[in-house]
């Protein structure tokens, strides 16, 4: 009888924060955002919103995400609620096809629309308002 091959462990999550402008914080996510790591991202964002009162835009750079499971999606929705409550624009950038697909099949794309952020790209969210997940008109 053949033993099944062991599944590889997910990549550990690295969270790197930069502030390219006084009103913008970029959180780069590299690795797996899953049950074990998702709330590390939420805690990081919560601390950033408390300590950077002048922030108007929070960019979650998702190009390095190798996995986003249901706990990761839940964390993204919680982050959206936190940023919305503080009047901060949330931008998901550099999303890989797997994350785009997750947003699509769960019906959360309109809530967590995404942009090709800093490069001034076009919003691919369903709201068409130029702001990720926002229903307010652009200024």
Protein backbone atom coordinates (compact mmCIF):
# COMPACT_ATOMS: atom_id res chain seq x y z
CA UNK A 1 0.00 0.00 0.00
CA UNK A 2 1.31 3.43 -0.87
CA UNK A 3 1.43 6.13 1.77
CA UNK A 4 0.06 9.52 0.64
CA UNK A 5 2.64 12.24 0.32
CA UNK A 6 2.51 14.75 3.16
CA UNK A 7 1.06 18.11 2.24
CA UNK A 8 3.54 20.97 2.34
CA UNK A 9 3.03 23.49 5.09
CA UNK A 10 1.82 26.92 3.93
CA UNK A 11 4.38 29.67 3.62
CA UNK A 12 4.75 31.73 6.80
CA UNK A 13 3.22 35.19 6.54
CA UNK A 14 5.46 38.25 6.44
CA UNK A 15 3.83 41.63 7.01
CA UNK A 16 5.90 44.64 6.00
CA UNK A 17 4.63 48.18 6.61
CA UNK A 18 5.84 51.26 4.74
CA UNK A 19 4.60 54.84 4.63
CA UNK A 20 5.39 56.28 1.18
CA UNK A 21 3.44 59.46 2.02
CA UNK A 22 2.13 60.97 5.25
CA UNK A 23 -1.45 60.07 4.30
CA UNK A 24 -0.74 56.57 2.92
CA UNK A 25 0.30 53.31 4.55
CA UNK A 26 1.24 50.25 2.51
CA UNK A 27 1.03 46.82 4.12
CA UNK A 28 2.82 44.22 2.02
CA UNK A 29 1.62 40.66 2.57
CA UNK A 30 3.93 37.78 1.63
CA UNK A 31 3.05 34.16 2.31
CA UNK A 32 -0.15 32.47 3.49
CA UNK A 33 -2.98 34.41 5.11
CA UNK A 34 -4.89 31.60 6.76
CA UNK A 35 -6.40 30.57 10.08
CA UNK A 36 -2.99 30.71 11.75
CA UNK A 37 -1.91 34.14 10.44
CA UNK A 38 -4.92 36.20 9.32
CA UNK A 39 -5.49 38.06 12.54
CA UNK A 40 -1.86 39.14 12.67
CA UNK A 41 -2.77 41.32 9.69
CA UNK A 42 -5.92 42.61 11.42
CA UNK A 43 -3.94 43.46 14.56
CA UNK A 44 -1.29 45.24 12.48
CA UNK A 45 -3.93 47.33 10.71
CA UNK A 46 -5.72 48.11 13.97
CA UNK A 47 -2.44 49.38 15.49
CA UNK A 48 -1.64 51.40 12.35
CA UNK A 49 -5.01 53.12 12.39
CA UNK A 50 -4.52 54.04 16.04
CA UNK A 51 -0.98 55.34 15.62
CA UNK A 52 -1.25 57.05 12.19
CA UNK A 53 -4.22 59.39 12.58
CA UNK A 54 -3.54 61.27 9.32
CA UNK A 55 -3.82 58.18 7.12
CA UNK A 56 -6.38 58.50 4.31
CA UNK A 57 -5.38 55.43 2.27
CA UNK A 58 -4.40 51.95 3.41
CA UNK A 59 -3.01 49.78 0.64
CA UNK A 60 -2.83 46.04 1.16
CA UNK A 61 -0.25 44.86 -1.36
CA UNK A 62 -1.30 41.27 -2.03
CA UNK A 63 1.17 40.30 -4.77
CA UNK A 64 3.10 38.03 -2.41
CA UNK A 65 0.09 36.20 -0.97
CA UNK A 66 0.45 32.53 -1.74
CA UNK A 67 -2.80 31.57 -0.01
CA UNK A 68 -5.90 33.32 1.31
CA UNK A 69 -8.43 30.97 2.89
CA UNK A 70 -11.78 31.74 4.53
CA UNK A 71 -10.05 33.12 7.63
CA UNK A 72 -7.97 35.38 5.38
CA UNK A 73 -11.12 36.59 3.63
CA UNK A 74 -12.77 37.20 6.99
CA UNK A 75 -9.73 39.24 8.03
CA UNK A 76 -9.96 41.33 4.84
CA UNK A 77 -13.63 42.04 5.53
CA UNK A 78 -12.83 43.02 9.13
CA UNK A 79 -10.06 45.32 7.89
CA UNK A 80 -12.56 46.89 5.51
CA UNK A 81 -14.89 47.55 8.44
CA UNK A 82 -12.04 49.08 10.48
CA UNK A 83 -10.89 51.37 7.67
CA UNK A 84 -14.43 52.37 6.75
CA UNK A 85 -15.12 53.31 10.36
CA UNK A 86 -12.08 55.59 10.36
CA UNK A 87 -12.82 57.13 6.97
CA UNK A 88 -9.75 55.47 5.44
CA UNK A 89 -9.81 54.26 1.84
CA UNK A 90 -8.85 50.58 1.54
CA UNK A 91 -7.05 49.46 -1.62
CA UNK A 92 -6.16 45.88 -2.48
CA UNK A 93 -3.33 45.92 -5.00
CA UNK A 94 -1.40 43.38 -7.06
CA UNK A 95 -3.94 40.64 -6.35
CA UNK A 96 -3.06 37.26 -7.78
CA UNK A 97 -5.71 35.41 -9.81
CA UNK A 98 -6.53 33.08 -6.90
CA UNK A 99 -7.44 36.04 -4.66
CA UNK A 100 -9.43 37.67 -7.45
CA UNK A 101 -11.31 34.41 -7.90
CA UNK A 102 -11.99 34.14 -4.15
CA UNK A 103 -13.46 37.65 -4.16
CA UNK A 104 -15.55 36.78 -7.20
CA UNK A 105 -17.01 33.48 -6.02
CA UNK A 106 -17.78 34.76 -2.51
CA UNK A 107 -19.50 37.89 -3.82
CA UNK A 108 -17.15 40.15 -1.86
CA UNK A 109 -15.57 41.92 -4.84
CA UNK A 110 -18.02 44.81 -4.50
CA UNK A 111 -17.17 45.17 -0.82
CA UNK A 112 -13.45 44.56 -1.24
CA UNK A 113 -13.01 45.89 -4.76
CA UNK A 114 -9.43 46.05 -5.86
CA UNK A 115 -7.20 48.46 -7.68
CA UNK A 116 -3.82 48.50 -9.26
CA UNK A 117 -3.02 50.98 -6.53
CA UNK A 118 -0.06 53.31 -6.45
CA UNK A 119 0.44 53.22 -10.21
CA UNK A 120 -2.91 55.00 -10.52
CA UNK A 121 -4.54 51.97 -12.11
CA UNK A 122 -8.21 51.44 -12.72
CA UNK A 123 -10.51 50.06 -10.07
CA UNK A 124 -11.82 46.61 -10.93
CA UNK A 125 -14.45 46.63 -8.18
CA UNK A 126 -18.12 46.48 -9.06
CA UNK A 127 -18.92 49.95 -7.79
CA UNK A 128 -17.22 51.75 -10.69
CA UNK A 129 -16.67 54.79 -8.50
CA UNK A 130 -12.88 54.71 -8.63
CA UNK A 131 -12.63 53.81 -4.96
CA UNK A 132 -12.22 50.26 -3.80
CA UNK A 133 -15.41 49.05 -2.17
CA UNK A 134 -16.79 52.56 -1.78
CA UNK A 135 -20.23 53.74 -2.80
CA UNK A 136 -19.37 57.45 -2.47
CA UNK A 137 -18.65 59.45 -5.63
CA UNK A 138 -15.06 60.37 -6.37
CA UNK A 139 -14.08 63.95 -5.49
